[in-house]
C-alpha atoms as a PDB file:
ATOM      1  CA  GLY A   1     -13.993  -5.940 -17.144  1.00  0.00           C
ATOM      2  CA  ALA A   2     -11.159  -4.787 -14.849  1.00  0.00           C
ATOM      3  CA  ALA A   3     -13.516  -4.028 -11.963  1.00  0.00           C
ATOM      4  CA  LEU A   4     -14.977  -7.518 -12.270  1.00  0.00           C
ATOM      5  CA  VAL A   5     -11.469  -9.016 -12.260  1.00  0.00           C
ATOM      6  CA  ARG A   6     -10.690  -7.050  -9.101  1.00  0.00           C
ATOM      7  CA  HIS A   7     -13.844  -8.149  -7.291  1.00  0.00           C
ATOM      8  CA  ALA A   8     -13.170 -11.762  -8.261  1.00  0.00           C
ATOM      9  CA  GLY A   9      -9.741 -11.649  -6.561  1.00  0.00           C
ATOM     10  CA  GLY A  10      -7.721 -10.915  -9.680  1.00  0.00           C
ATOM     11  CA  LEU A  11      -5.697  -8.147  -8.068  1.00  0.00           C
ATOM     12  CA  ASP A  12      -4.344 -10.473  -5.384  1.00  0.00           C
ATOM     13  CA  LEU A  13      -3.640 -13.130  -7.999  1.00  0.00           C
ATOM     14  CA  PHE A  14      -1.703 -10.690 -10.186  1.00  0.00           C
ATOM     15  CA  LEU A  15       0.247  -9.339  -7.213  1.00  0.00           C
ATOM     16  CA  ASN A  16       1.196 -12.836  -6.058  1.00  0.00           C
ATOM     17  CA  GLN A  17       2.242 -13.915  -9.546  1.00  0.00           C
ATOM     18  CA  LEU A  18       4.609 -10.971 -10.103  1.00  0.00           C
ATOM     19  CA  THR A  19       7.291 -12.973  -8.296  1.00  0.00           C
ATOM     20  CA  ALA A  20       6.587 -16.345  -9.930  1.00  0.00           C
ATOM     21  CA  GLN A  21       9.429 -18.410 -11.361  1.00  0.00           C
ATOM     22  CA  ASP A  22       7.751 -18.833 -14.737  1.00  0.00           C
ATOM     23  CA  GLU A  23       8.480 -15.904 -17.064  1.00  0.00           C
ATOM     24  CA  SER A  24       5.125 -16.175 -18.857  1.00  0.00           C
ATOM     25  CA  THR A  25       3.278 -16.009 -15.545  1.00  0.00           C
ATOM     26  CA  VAL A  26       5.221 -12.891 -14.529  1.00  0.00           C
ATOM     27  CA  PHE A  27       4.479 -11.269 -17.892  1.00  0.00           C
ATOM     28  CA  LEU A  28       0.759 -12.030 -17.661  1.00  0.00           C
ATOM     29  CA  ALA A  29       0.602 -10.690 -14.093  1.00  0.00           C
ATOM     30  CA  ALA A  30       2.390  -7.448 -15.030  1.00  0.00           C
ATOM     31  CA  ALA A  31       0.219  -7.061 -18.138  1.00  0.00           C
ATOM     32  CA  GLY A  32      -2.894  -7.692 -16.050  1.00  0.00           C
ATOM     33  CA  LEU A  33      -1.894  -4.972 -13.578  1.00  0.00           C
ATOM     34  CA  GLN A  34      -1.080  -2.623 -16.449  1.00  0.00           C
ATOM     35  CA  ASN A  35      -4.562  -3.198 -17.863  1.00  0.00           C
ATOM     36  CA  MET A  36      -6.265  -2.761 -14.488  1.00  0.00           C
ATOM     37  CA  LEU A  37      -4.344   0.478 -13.980  1.00  0.00           C
ATOM     38  CA  SER A  38      -5.567   1.790 -17.321  1.00  0.00           C
ATOM     39  CA  THR A  39      -9.184   1.601 -16.136  1.00  0.00           C
ATOM     40  CA  PRO A  40     -10.425   5.065 -15.033  1.00  0.00           C
ATOM     41  CA  GLN A  41     -12.787   3.587 -12.432  1.00  0.00           C
ATOM     42  CA  LEU A  42      -9.985   1.693 -10.682  1.00  0.00           C
ATOM     43  CA  VAL A  43      -7.271   4.364 -10.767  1.00  0.00           C
ATOM     44  CA  ARG A  44      -9.662   6.716  -8.954  1.00  0.00           C
ATOM     45  CA  ASP A  45     -10.538   4.076  -6.343  1.00  0.00           C
ATOM     46  CA  PRO A  46      -8.555   4.779  -3.153  1.00  0.00           C
ATOM     47  CA  ASP A  47      -9.069   1.204  -1.862  1.00  0.00           C
ATOM     48  CA  PHE A  48      -7.593  -0.246  -5.058  1.00  0.00           C
ATOM     49  CA  ILE A  49      -4.622   2.131  -4.974  1.00  0.00           C
ATOM     50  CA  ALA A  50      -4.090   1.484  -1.241  1.00  0.00           C
ATOM     51  CA  ALA A  51      -4.005  -2.273  -1.902  1.00  0.00           C
ATOM     52  CA  LEU A  52      -1.292  -1.741  -4.508  1.00  0.00           C
ATOM     53  CA  ILE A  53       0.745   0.497  -2.214  1.00  0.00           C
ATOM     54  CA  ARG A  54       0.437  -1.822   0.782  1.00  0.00           C
ATOM     55  CA  SER A  55       1.463  -4.815  -1.326  1.00  0.00           C
ATOM     56  CA  ASP A  56       4.680  -3.022  -2.337  1.00  0.00           C
ATOM     57  CA  ALA A  57       3.747  -3.540  -5.998  1.00  0.00           C
ATOM     58  CA  GLU A  58       5.736  -0.449  -6.993  1.00  0.00           C
ATOM     59  CA  THR A  59       8.979  -1.961  -5.734  1.00  0.00           C
ATOM     60  CA  VAL A  60       8.318  -5.305  -7.429  1.00  0.00           C
ATOM     61  CA  LEU A  61       7.338  -3.636 -10.711  1.00  0.00           C
ATOM     62  CA  THR A  62      10.429  -1.419 -10.542  1.00  0.00           C
ATOM     63  CA  HIS A  63      12.614  -4.530 -10.249  1.00  0.00           C
ATOM     64  CA  LEU A  64      10.739  -6.118 -13.149  1.00  0.00           C
ATOM     65  CA  CYS A  65      11.715  -3.137 -15.319  1.00  0.00           C
ATOM     66  CA  GLU A  66      15.183  -4.734 -15.307  1.00  0.00           C
ATOM     67  CA  HIS A  67      13.934  -8.208 -16.271  1.00  0.00           C
ATOM     68  CA  THR A  68      15.696 -10.019 -19.103  1.00  0.00           C
ATOM     69  CA  ASN A  69      12.423 -10.425 -21.001  1.00  0.00           C
ATOM     70  CA  HIS A  70      11.436  -7.360 -23.020  1.00  0.00           C
ATOM     71  CA  SER A  71       7.687  -8.022 -22.663  1.00  0.00           C
ATOM     72  CA  VAL A  72       7.960  -8.251 -18.868  1.00  0.00           C
ATOM     73  CA  ARG A  73       9.949  -4.991 -18.770  1.00  0.00           C
ATOM     74  CA  ARG A  74       7.441  -3.225 -21.014  1.00  0.00           C
ATOM     75  CA  SER A  75       4.396  -4.391 -19.019  1.00  0.00           C
ATOM     76  CA  ALA A  76       6.004  -3.509 -15.678  1.00  0.00           C
ATOM     77  CA  ALA A  77       6.961  -0.052 -16.939  1.00  0.00           C
ATOM     78  CA  GLY A  78       3.455   0.450 -18.313  1.00  0.00           C
ATOM     79  CA  ALA A  79       1.893  -0.529 -14.985  1.00  0.00           C
ATOM     80  CA  LEU A  80       4.171   1.905 -13.129  1.00  0.00           C
ATOM     81  CA  ALA A  81       3.384   4.698 -15.588  1.00  0.00           C
ATOM     82  CA  ASN A  82      -0.344   4.104 -15.225  1.00  0.00           C
ATOM     83  CA  MET A  83      -0.021   4.043 -11.438  1.00  0.00           C
ATOM     84  CA  ALA A  84       1.896   7.337 -11.454  1.00  0.00           C
ATOM     85  CA  ARG A  85      -0.883   8.933 -13.528  1.00  0.00           C
ATOM     86  CA  SER A  86      -3.551   7.778 -11.084  1.00  0.00           C
ATOM     87  CA  PRO A  87      -5.377  10.715  -9.497  1.00  0.00           C
ATOM     88  CA  ALA A  88      -5.634   8.817  -6.204  1.00  0.00           C
ATOM     89  CA  HIS A  89      -2.046   7.523  -6.034  1.00  0.00           C
ATOM     90  CA  LYS A  90      -0.303  10.572  -4.565  1.00  0.00           C
ATOM     91  CA  HIS A  91      -3.094  11.295  -2.070  1.00  0.00           C
ATOM     92  CA  VAL A  92      -3.441   7.719  -0.857  1.00  0.00           C
ATOM     93  CA  LYS A  93       0.322   7.252  -0.562  1.00  0.00           C
ATOM     94  CA  SER A  94       0.582  10.437   1.519  1.00  0.00           C
ATOM     95  CA  ALA A  95      -2.378   9.460   3.705  1.00  0.00           C
ATOM     96  CA  LEU A  96      -0.932   6.008   4.355  1.00  0.00           C
ATOM     97  CA  SER A  97       2.403   7.576   5.279  1.00  0.00           C
ATOM     98  CA  VAL A  98       0.755   9.933   7.774  1.00  0.00           C
ATOM     99  CA  ALA A  99      -1.318   7.090   9.234  1.00  0.00           C
ATOM    100  CA  GLU A 100       1.831   4.966   9.635  1.00  0.00           C
ATOM    101  CA  HIS A 101       3.590   7.847  11.415  1.00  0.00           C
ATOM    102  CA  TYR A 102       0.764   8.198  13.948  1.00  0.00           C
ATOM    103  CA  ARG A 103       0.495   4.425  14.390  1.00  0.00           C
ATOM    104  CA  SER A 104       4.235   4.268  15.112  1.00  0.00           C
ATOM    105  CA  GLN A 105       3.943   7.155  17.564  1.00  0.00           C
ATOM    106  CA  ALA A 106       1.028   5.454  19.343  1.00  0.00           C
ATOM    107  CA  GLU A 107       3.003   2.201  19.592  1.00  0.00           C
ATOM    108  CA  LEU A 108       6.000   4.077  20.982  1.00  0.00           C
ATOM    109  CA  ASP A 109       3.784   5.820  23.556  1.00  0.00           C
ATOM    110  CA  LEU A 110       2.221   2.494  24.533  1.00  0.00           C
ATOM    111  CA  ARG A 111       5.637   0.819  24.947  1.00  0.00           C
ATOM    112  CA  THR A 112       6.914   3.764  26.995  1.00  0.00           C
ATOM    113  CA  GLN A 113       3.856   3.682  29.260  1.00  0.00           C
ATOM    114  CA  SER A 114       4.094  -0.082  29.657  1.00  0.00           C
ATOM    115  CA  ARG A 115       7.757   0.102  30.654  1.00  0.00           C
ATOM    116  CA  SER A 116       7.270   2.919  33.124  1.00  0.00           C
ATOM    117  CA  GLY A 117       4.036   1.520  34.526  1.00  0.00           C
ATOM    118  CA  LEU A 118       2.744   5.052  34.658  1.00  0.00           C
ATOM    119  CA  SER A 119       0.121   6.965  32.795  1.00  0.00           C
ATOM    120  CA  SER A 120       1.107  10.405  33.964  1.00  0.00           C
ATOM    121  CA  GLY A 121      -0.680  12.271  31.229  1.00  0.00           C
ATOM    122  CA  ALA A 122       2.579  13.918  30.255  1.00  0.00           C
ATOM    123  CA  GLY A 123       2.983  14.938  26.643  1.00  0.00           C
ATOM    124  CA  SER A 124       4.323  12.640  23.968  1.00  0.00           C
ATOM    125  CA  CYS A 125       7.358  13.317  21.776  1.00  0.00           C
ATOM    126  CA  ASP A 126       5.407  15.599  19.444  1.00  0.00           C
ATOM    127  CA  GLY A 127       4.056  17.731  22.306  1.00  0.00           C
ATOM    128  CA  SER A 128       0.524  16.375  22.153  1.00  0.00           C
ATOM    129  CA  PRO A 129      -1.128  14.975  25.291  1.00  0.00           C
ATOM    130  CA  ARG A 130      -0.233  11.368  25.961  1.00  0.00           C
ATOM    131  CA  SER A 131      -3.020   8.949  25.068  1.00  0.00           C
ATOM    132  CA  THR A 132      -4.485   6.471  27.509  1.00  0.00           C
ATOM    133  CA  ASN A 133      -3.731   2.792  27.068  1.00  0.00           C
ATOM    134  CA  ALA A 134      -7.294   2.178  25.845  1.00  0.00           C
ATOM    135  CA  GLU A 135      -6.982   4.914  23.226  1.00  0.00           C
ATOM    136  CA  LEU A 136      -3.655   3.541  22.037  1.00  0.00           C
ATOM    137  CA  ALA A 137      -4.964  -0.007  21.877  1.00  0.00           C
ATOM    138  CA  ASN A 138      -7.832   1.215  19.704  1.00  0.00           C
ATOM    139  CA  SER A 139      -5.672   3.424  17.479  1.00  0.00           C
ATOM    140  CA  HIS A 140      -6.348   1.098  14.544  1.00  0.00           C
ATOM    141  CA  MET A 141      -9.723   2.838  14.277  1.00  0.00           C
ATOM    142  CA  TYR A 142      -7.967   5.878  12.846  1.00  0.00           C
ATOM    143  CA  GLU A 143      -6.502   4.059   9.871  1.00  0.00           C
ATOM    144  CA  VAL A 144      -6.836   5.784   6.541  1.00  0.00           C
ATOM    145  CA  VAL A 145      -8.713   3.907   3.815  1.00  0.00           C
END
C-alpha cells in the first residue's frame, strides 16, 4: 500500500499538505507520513529517505509536535520516531551532508577561478588539486542518491 502511494505521488502530496491551513488536512498528511514511515520497504529505501531529508520534513514535523491539536502532535511525533528508526536515515543524511560540502567547495573554487580569470592548477582550500572549470560545471554528476 505505502509503496503504491509513494509511486502515485502521495509523498509529495503529504509533504505539501503538512503546512496547509486546514487542521484536518495537516493531521491526515502527518498521519500519512507516519504510516509510510512504518513500512519496512520504504524506510530502507535511500531515495525515499533522501526525498524526506531534502524536503526538510523533519523540521516541519518537529514544529507540528507543538501544534494545538493533539492528533496532529501525535502523528508528527510518530512520523519523526519512525524516521529516526529508519536504517537508511543516518547514512543518507550523512551522505547528503558530505555531498553538499563538496558541492559548496566546487562552487567556491569556480567563483574564485572566475574572478581571477586564471586556472593555475593551484590547490583548493582543502589542499586538493584545483578542478578545471569543466569538472566543476559537471560536479552535479557526483551527487549522492
